[in-house]
Amino acid sequence: MKLNRAIKIRLYPNQAQEKMLNKTFGCCRFIYNKMLEERIKVYEELKGDNQALYDHRYKTEK
């Protein structure tokens, strides 16, 4: 049986750290939304062609 555990912590960043965290989370949110927008667009274009949907993937670095 697998047991999941969680720990809650609270951060108290200074102003410089808070600014950096806000920039980082803003960038992450922007990238996520752009990729979601592209994926939705591709899905609408290739809705009937399951193989083309499967073949459409993002590039990965090796």
PDB file of N, CA and C in Angstrom:
ATOM      1  N   MET A   1       0.841  -1.179   0.000  1.00  0.00           N
ATOM      2  CA  MET A   1       0.000   0.000   0.000  1.00  0.00           C
ATOM      3  C   MET A   1       0.889   1.246   0.000  1.00  0.00           C
ATOM      4  N   LYS A   2       0.594   2.142  -0.920  1.00  0.00           N
ATOM      5  CA  LYS A   2       1.381   3.368  -1.037  1.00  0.00           C
ATOM      6  C   LYS A   2       0.792   4.435  -0.116  1.00  0.00           C
ATOM      7  N   LEU A   3       1.673   5.100   0.620  1.00  0.00           N
ATOM      8  CA  LEU A   3       1.245   6.134   1.553  1.00  0.00           C
ATOM      9  C   LEU A   3       1.810   7.480   1.113  1.00  0.00           C
ATOM     10  N   ASN A   4       0.943   8.440   0.921  1.00  0.00           N
ATOM     11  CA  ASN A   4       1.367   9.793   0.554  1.00  0.00           C
ATOM     12  C   ASN A   4       1.391  10.666   1.794  1.00  0.00           C
ATOM     13  N   ARG A   5       2.422  11.470   1.920  1.00  0.00           N
ATOM     14  CA  ARG A   5       2.531  12.396   3.040  1.00  0.00           C
ATOM     15  C   ARG A   5       2.736  13.799   2.500  1.00  0.00           C
ATOM     16  N   ALA A   6       2.313  14.756   3.279  1.00  0.00           N
ATOM     17  CA  ALA A   6       2.476  16.156   2.874  1.00  0.00           C
ATOM     18  C   ALA A   6       2.966  16.969   4.061  1.00  0.00           C
ATOM     19  N   ILE A   7       3.735  17.974   3.754  1.00  0.00           N
ATOM     20  CA  ILE A   7       4.213  18.898   4.771  1.00  0.00           C
ATOM     21  C   ILE A   7       3.847  20.303   4.310  1.00  0.00           C
ATOM     22  N   LYS A   8       3.218  21.065   5.172  1.00  0.00           N
ATOM     23  CA  LYS A   8       2.884  22.446   4.846  1.00  0.00           C
ATOM     24  C   LYS A   8       3.923  23.353   5.488  1.00  0.00           C
ATOM     25  N   ILE A   9       4.415  24.288   4.684  1.00  0.00           N
ATOM     26  CA  ILE A   9       5.357  25.266   5.210  1.00  0.00           C
ATOM     27  C   ILE A   9       4.896  26.651   4.788  1.00  0.00           C
ATOM     28  N   ARG A  10       5.336  27.632   5.491  1.00  0.00           N
ATOM     29  CA  ARG A  10       5.037  29.015   5.132  1.00  0.00           C
ATOM     30  C   ARG A  10       6.351  29.743   4.913  1.00  0.00           C
ATOM     31  N   LEU A  11       6.423  30.473   3.812  1.00  0.00           N
ATOM     32  CA  LEU A  11       7.628  31.234   3.498  1.00  0.00           C
ATOM     33  C   LEU A  11       7.430  32.693   3.889  1.00  0.00           C
ATOM     34  N   TYR A  12       8.493  33.290   4.354  1.00  0.00           N
ATOM     35  CA  TYR A  12       8.491  34.711   4.675  1.00  0.00           C
ATOM     36  C   TYR A  12       9.637  35.377   3.906  1.00  0.00           C
ATOM     37  N   PRO A  13       9.431  35.578   2.588  1.00  0.00           N
ATOM     38  CA  PRO A  13      10.518  36.155   1.783  1.00  0.00           C
ATOM     39  C   PRO A  13      10.671  37.651   2.051  1.00  0.00           C
ATOM     40  N   ASN A  14      11.887  38.133   1.859  1.00  0.00           N
ATOM     41  CA  ASN A  14      12.078  39.584   1.932  1.00  0.00           C
ATOM     42  C   ASN A  14      11.578  40.193   0.621  1.00  0.00           C
ATOM     43  N   GLN A  15      11.657  41.510   0.481  1.00  0.00           N
ATOM     44  CA  GLN A  15      11.080  42.171  -0.695  1.00  0.00           C
ATOM     45  C   GLN A  15      11.747  41.738  -1.998  1.00  0.00           C
ATOM     46  N   ALA A  16      13.058  41.570  -1.980  1.00  0.00           N
ATOM     47  CA  ALA A  16      13.761  41.147  -3.200  1.00  0.00           C
ATOM     48  C   ALA A  16      13.361  39.727  -3.589  1.00  0.00           C
ATOM     49  N   GLN A  17      13.258  38.840  -2.607  1.00  0.00           N
ATOM     50  CA  GLN A  17      12.862  37.459  -2.882  1.00  0.00           C
ATOM     51  C   GLN A  17      11.412  37.404  -3.358  1.00  0.00           C
ATOM     52  N   GLU A  18      10.556  38.217  -2.752  1.00  0.00           N
ATOM     53  CA  GLU A  18       9.152  38.241  -3.154  1.00  0.00           C
ATOM     54  C   GLU A  18       9.013  38.722  -4.597  1.00  0.00           C
ATOM     55  N   LYS A  19       9.802  39.724  -4.969  1.00  0.00           N
ATOM     56  CA  LYS A  19       9.788  40.228  -6.344  1.00  0.00           C
ATOM     57  C   LYS A  19      10.236  39.141  -7.324  1.00  0.00           C
ATOM     58  N   MET A  20      11.290  38.411  -6.963  1.00  0.00           N
ATOM     59  CA  MET A  20      11.790  37.336  -7.825  1.00  0.00           C
ATOM     60  C   MET A  20      10.766  36.199  -7.938  1.00  0.00           C
ATOM     61  N   LEU A  21      10.123  35.837  -6.837  1.00  0.00           N
ATOM     62  CA  LEU A  21       9.093  34.796  -6.875  1.00  0.00           C
ATOM     63  C   LEU A  21       7.927  35.221  -7.765  1.00  0.00           C
ATOM     64  N   ASN A  22       7.502  36.471  -7.651  1.00  0.00           N
ATOM     65  CA  ASN A  22       6.407  36.956  -8.489  1.00  0.00           C
ATOM     66  C   ASN A  22       6.777  36.924  -9.970  1.00  0.00           C
ATOM     67  N   LYS A  23       8.005  37.295 -10.311  1.00  0.00           N
ATOM     68  CA  LYS A  23       8.462  37.230 -11.706  1.00  0.00           C
ATOM     69  C   LYS A  23       8.483  35.785 -12.201  1.00  0.00           C
ATOM     70  N   THR A  24       9.017  34.890 -11.362  1.00  0.00           N
ATOM     71  CA  THR A  24       9.126  33.482 -11.746  1.00  0.00           C
ATOM     72  C   THR A  24       7.753  32.864 -11.973  1.00  0.00           C
ATOM     73  N   PHE A  25       6.825  33.076 -11.032  1.00  0.00           N
ATOM     74  CA  PHE A  25       5.482  32.510 -11.180  1.00  0.00           C
ATOM     75  C   PHE A  25       4.741  33.145 -12.348  1.00  0.00           C
ATOM     76  N   GLY A  26       4.987  34.429 -12.598  1.00  0.00           N
ATOM     77  CA  GLY A  26       4.373  35.092 -13.743  1.00  0.00           C
ATOM     78  C   GLY A  26       4.854  34.495 -15.061  1.00  0.00           C
ATOM     79  N   CYS A  27       6.153  34.219 -15.158  1.00  0.00           N
ATOM     80  CA  CYS A  27       6.709  33.586 -16.364  1.00  0.00           C
ATOM     81  C   CYS A  27       6.145  32.182 -16.556  1.00  0.00           C
ATOM     82  N   CYS A  28       6.068  31.425 -15.477  1.00  0.00           N
ATOM     83  CA  CYS A  28       5.525  30.060 -15.553  1.00  0.00           C
ATOM     84  C   CYS A  28       4.074  30.091 -16.029  1.00  0.00           C
ATOM     85  N   ARG A  29       3.289  31.002 -15.480  1.00  0.00           N
ATOM     86  CA  ARG A  29       1.881  31.126 -15.861  1.00  0.00           C
ATOM     87  C   ARG A  29       1.765  31.517 -17.333  1.00  0.00           C
ATOM     88  N   PHE A  30       2.612  32.444 -17.796  1.00  0.00           N
ATOM     89  CA  PHE A  30       2.591  32.886 -19.189  1.00  0.00           C
ATOM     90  C   PHE A  30       2.897  31.724 -20.136  1.00  0.00           C
ATOM     91  N   ILE A  31       3.961  30.980 -19.849  1.00  0.00           N
ATOM     92  CA  ILE A  31       4.354  29.846 -20.702  1.00  0.00           C
ATOM     93  C   ILE A  31       3.264  28.779 -20.718  1.00  0.00           C
ATOM     94  N   TYR A  32       2.711  28.459 -19.541  1.00  0.00           N
ATOM     95  CA  TYR A  32       1.644  27.458 -19.467  1.00  0.00           C
ATOM     96  C   TYR A  32       0.456  27.884 -20.334  1.00  0.00           C
ATOM     97  N   ASN A  33       0.037  29.135 -20.214  1.00  0.00           N
ATOM     98  CA  ASN A  33      -1.118  29.609 -20.975  1.00  0.00           C
ATOM     99  C   ASN A  33      -0.842  29.637 -22.475  1.00  0.00           C
ATOM    100  N   LYS A  34       0.379  30.010 -22.893  1.00  0.00           N
ATOM    101  CA  LYS A  34       0.715  30.004 -24.317  1.00  0.00           C
ATOM    102  C   LYS A  34       0.696  28.582 -24.885  1.00  0.00           C
ATOM    103  N   MET A  35       1.258  27.633 -24.146  1.00  0.00           N
ATOM    104  CA  MET A  35       1.274  26.249 -24.627  1.00  0.00           C
ATOM    105  C   MET A  35      -0.138  25.671 -24.653  1.00  0.00           C
ATOM    106  N   LEU A  36      -0.963  26.017 -23.672  1.00  0.00           N
ATOM    107  CA  LEU A  36      -2.348  25.562 -23.664  1.00  0.00           C
ATOM    108  C   LEU A  36      -3.105  26.143 -24.850  1.00  0.00           C
ATOM    109  N   GLU A  37      -2.896  27.420 -25.125  1.00  0.00           N
ATOM    110  CA  GLU A  37      -3.530  28.065 -26.272  1.00  0.00           C
ATOM    111  C   GLU A  37      -3.138  27.367 -27.579  1.00  0.00           C
ATOM    112  N   GLU A  38      -1.851  27.058 -27.729  1.00  0.00           N
ATOM    113  CA  GLU A  38      -1.392  26.373 -28.942  1.00  0.00           C
ATOM    114  C   GLU A  38      -1.997  24.978 -29.044  1.00  0.00           C
ATOM    115  N   ARG A  39      -2.056  24.268 -27.933  1.00  0.00           N
ATOM    116  CA  ARG A  39      -2.595  22.908 -27.947  1.00  0.00           C
ATOM    117  C   ARG A  39      -4.077  22.911 -28.308  1.00  0.00           C
ATOM    118  N   ILE A  40      -4.817  23.884 -27.791  1.00  0.00           N
ATOM    119  CA  ILE A  40      -6.239  23.992 -28.121  1.00  0.00           C
ATOM    120  C   ILE A  40      -6.411  24.305 -29.600  1.00  0.00           C
ATOM    121  N   LYS A  41      -5.568  25.205 -30.140  1.00  0.00           N
ATOM    122  CA  LYS A  41      -5.631  25.562 -31.562  1.00  0.00           C
ATOM    123  C   LYS A  41      -5.353  24.338 -32.437  1.00  0.00           C
ATOM    124  N   VAL A  42      -4.322  23.578 -32.096  1.00  0.00           N
ATOM    125  CA  VAL A  42      -3.981  22.378 -32.865  1.00  0.00           C
ATOM    126  C   VAL A  42      -5.108  21.357 -32.773  1.00  0.00           C
ATOM    127  N   TYR A  43      -5.692  21.212 -31.598  1.00  0.00           N
ATOM    128  CA  TYR A  43      -6.797  20.265 -31.433  1.00  0.00           C
ATOM    129  C   TYR A  43      -7.969  20.646 -32.332  1.00  0.00           C
ATOM    130  N   GLU A  44      -8.294  21.944 -32.379  1.00  0.00           N
ATOM    131  CA  GLU A  44      -9.398  22.392 -33.226  1.00  0.00           C
ATOM    132  C   GLU A  44      -9.090  22.149 -34.702  1.00  0.00           C
ATOM    133  N   GLU A  45      -7.839  22.348 -35.116  1.00  0.00           N
ATOM    134  CA  GLU A  45      -7.468  22.139 -36.515  1.00  0.00           C
ATOM    135  C   GLU A  45      -7.476  20.662 -36.893  1.00  0.00           C
ATOM    136  N   LEU A  46      -7.053  19.784 -35.997  1.00  0.00           N
ATOM    137  CA  LEU A  46      -6.884  18.365 -36.314  1.00  0.00           C
ATOM    138  C   LEU A  46      -7.905  17.482 -35.603  1.00  0.00           C
ATOM    139  N   LYS A  47      -9.050  18.027 -35.284  1.00  0.00           N
ATOM    140  CA  LYS A  47     -10.039  17.341 -34.463  1.00  0.00           C
ATOM    141  C   LYS A  47     -10.392  15.940 -34.963  1.00  0.00           C
ATOM    142  N   GLY A  48     -10.571  15.774 -36.251  1.00  0.00           N
ATOM    143  CA  GLY A  48     -11.004  14.490 -36.778  1.00  0.00           C
ATOM    144  C   GLY A  48      -9.885  13.491 -37.021  1.00  0.00           C
ATOM    145  N   ASP A  49      -8.650  13.930 -37.041  1.00  0.00           N
ATOM    146  CA  ASP A  49      -7.517  13.076 -37.400  1.00  0.00           C
ATOM    147  C   ASP A  49      -6.731  12.682 -36.146  1.00  0.00           C
ATOM    148  N   ASN A  50      -7.078  11.540 -35.567  1.00  0.00           N
ATOM    149  CA  ASN A  50      -6.448  11.113 -34.314  1.00  0.00           C
ATOM    150  C   ASN A  50      -4.951  10.879 -34.464  1.00  0.00           C
ATOM    151  N   GLN A  51      -4.521  10.345 -35.590  1.00  0.00           N
ATOM    152  CA  GLN A  51      -3.096  10.081 -35.783  1.00  0.00           C
ATOM    153  C   GLN A  51      -2.304  11.384 -35.831  1.00  0.00           C
ATOM    154  N   ALA A  52      -2.836  12.389 -36.513  1.00  0.00           N
ATOM    155  CA  ALA A  52      -2.151  13.684 -36.579  1.00  0.00           C
ATOM    156  C   ALA A  52      -2.088  14.332 -35.198  1.00  0.00           C
ATOM    157  N   LEU A  53      -3.152  14.187 -34.403  1.00  0.00           N
ATOM    158  CA  LEU A  53      -3.131  14.715 -33.033  1.00  0.00           C
ATOM    159  C   LEU A  53      -2.063  14.016 -32.213  1.00  0.00           C
ATOM    160  N   TYR A  54      -1.954  12.711 -32.389  1.00  0.00           N
ATOM    161  CA  TYR A  54      -0.955  11.946 -31.647  1.00  0.00           C
ATOM    162  C   TYR A  54       0.457  12.336 -32.076  1.00  0.00           C
ATOM    163  N   ASP A  55       0.640  12.583 -33.369  1.00  0.00           N
ATOM    164  CA  ASP A  55       1.966  12.914 -33.895  1.00  0.00           C
ATOM    165  C   ASP A  55       2.412  14.324 -33.513  1.00  0.00           C
ATOM    166  N   HIS A  56       1.480  15.209 -33.211  1.00  0.00           N
ATOM    167  CA  HIS A  56       1.841  16.585 -32.853  1.00  0.00           C
ATOM    168  C   HIS A  56       2.344  16.602 -31.409  1.00  0.00           C
ATOM    169  N   ARG A  57       3.636  16.807 -31.265  1.00  0.00           N
ATOM    170  CA  ARG A  57       4.246  16.847 -29.936  1.00  0.00           C
ATOM    171  C   ARG A  57       5.210  18.010 -29.872  1.00  0.00           C
ATOM    172  N   TYR A  58       5.542  18.393 -28.666  1.00  0.00           N
ATOM    173  CA  TYR A  58       6.514  19.463 -28.473  1.00  0.00           C
ATOM    174  C   TYR A  58       7.920  18.892 -28.537  1.00  0.00           C
ATOM    175  N   LYS A  59       8.848  19.699 -28.998  1.00  0.00           N
ATOM    176  CA  LYS A  59      10.238  19.263 -29.079  1.00  0.00           C
ATOM    177  C   LYS A  59      10.813  19.110 -27.678  1.00  0.00           C
ATOM    178  N   THR A  60      11.658  18.118 -27.518  1.00  0.00           N
ATOM    179  CA  THR A  60      12.357  17.941 -26.245  1.00  0.00           C
ATOM    180  C   THR A  60      13.848  18.011 -26.510  1.00  0.00           C
ATOM    181  N   GLU A  61      14.566  18.552 -25.567  1.00  0.00           N
ATOM    182  CA  GLU A  61      16.014  18.626 -25.702  1.00  0.00           C
ATOM    183  C   GLU A  61      16.622  17.334 -25.198  1.00  0.00           C
ATOM    184  N   LYS A  62      17.658  16.872 -25.899  1.00  0.00           N
ATOM    185  CA  LYS A  62      18.309  15.628 -25.486  1.00  0.00           C
ATOM    186  C   LYS A  62      19.729  15.890 -25.134  1.00  0.00           C
TER     187      LYS A  62
END
